[in-house]
Each structure stands twice: as structure tokens, then as C-alpha cells.
Amino acid sequence: MNTTVSCELHLRLVVSSESSLPVPAGLRYDTADPYAVHATFHTG
């Protein structure tokens, strides 16, 4: 049996020392592939 863990989070893309942009993202881990974490970046 595989177990999947996922979460949604808010990241910041640092453009310069004075500026950054919000980047919503999701992370997913599945025990079927124990060495991988899949990241999805929600843009637009």
C-alpha cells in the first residue's frame, strides 16, 4: 500500500534585494517513489 502526503504553501520568488513575487506551490510525496518530492508551481 502506498501512502501519499501533500501540502499547499506560499513561496516568494526573490527578484532582487528589494523585490519579490508570491508563488503559490504544492508539494507531494509518495512512498511508491521514496526519493522524490514533486513540486507544482501555480502561476498565472
Protein backbone atom coordinates (compact mmCIF):
# COMPACT_ATOMS: atom_id res chain seq x y z
CA MET A 1 0.00 0.00 0.00
CA ASN A 2 1.35 3.43 -0.97
CA THR A 3 0.98 6.50 1.19
CA THR A 4 0.81 9.99 -0.29
CA VAL A 5 1.39 13.24 1.59
CA SER A 6 0.69 16.61 0.01
CA CYS A 7 0.57 20.24 1.07
CA GLU A 8 -0.06 23.65 -0.43
CA LEU A 9 2.24 26.50 0.51
CA HIS A 10 3.13 30.08 -0.42
CA LEU A 11 6.68 30.76 -1.59
CA ARG A 12 8.37 34.01 -2.60
CA LEU A 13 10.48 34.41 -5.73
CA VAL A 14 13.25 36.87 -4.89
CA VAL A 15 13.80 39.08 -7.95
CA SER A 16 16.27 41.46 -6.32
CA SER A 17 17.26 42.54 -2.84
CA GLU A 18 14.29 44.94 -2.85
CA SER A 19 11.66 42.92 -4.71
CA SER A 20 9.96 39.52 -4.51
CA LEU A 21 6.88 37.90 -6.04
CA PRO A 22 4.40 35.49 -4.42
CA VAL A 23 4.41 31.97 -5.87
CA PRO A 24 1.75 29.52 -4.65
CA ALA A 25 3.00 25.95 -4.84
CA GLY A 26 2.16 22.39 -3.94
CA LEU A 27 4.42 19.59 -2.74
CA ARG A 28 3.61 15.88 -2.99
CA TYR A 29 5.45 12.83 -1.65
CA ASP A 30 4.51 9.24 -2.49
CA THR A 31 6.08 6.20 -0.82
CA ALA A 32 6.00 4.45 -4.21
CA ASP A 33 8.93 6.72 -5.18
CA PRO A 34 10.66 7.31 -1.83
CA TYR A 35 13.46 9.52 -3.18
CA ALA A 36 11.23 12.03 -4.99
CA VAL A 37 9.22 15.06 -3.95
CA HIS A 38 7.04 16.53 -6.70
CA ALA A 39 6.65 20.31 -6.77
CA THR A 40 3.90 22.13 -8.66
CA PHE A 41 4.14 25.90 -9.05
CA HIS A 42 0.79 27.66 -9.65
CA THR A 43 1.43 30.63 -11.95
CA GLY A 44 -0.91 32.94 -13.79
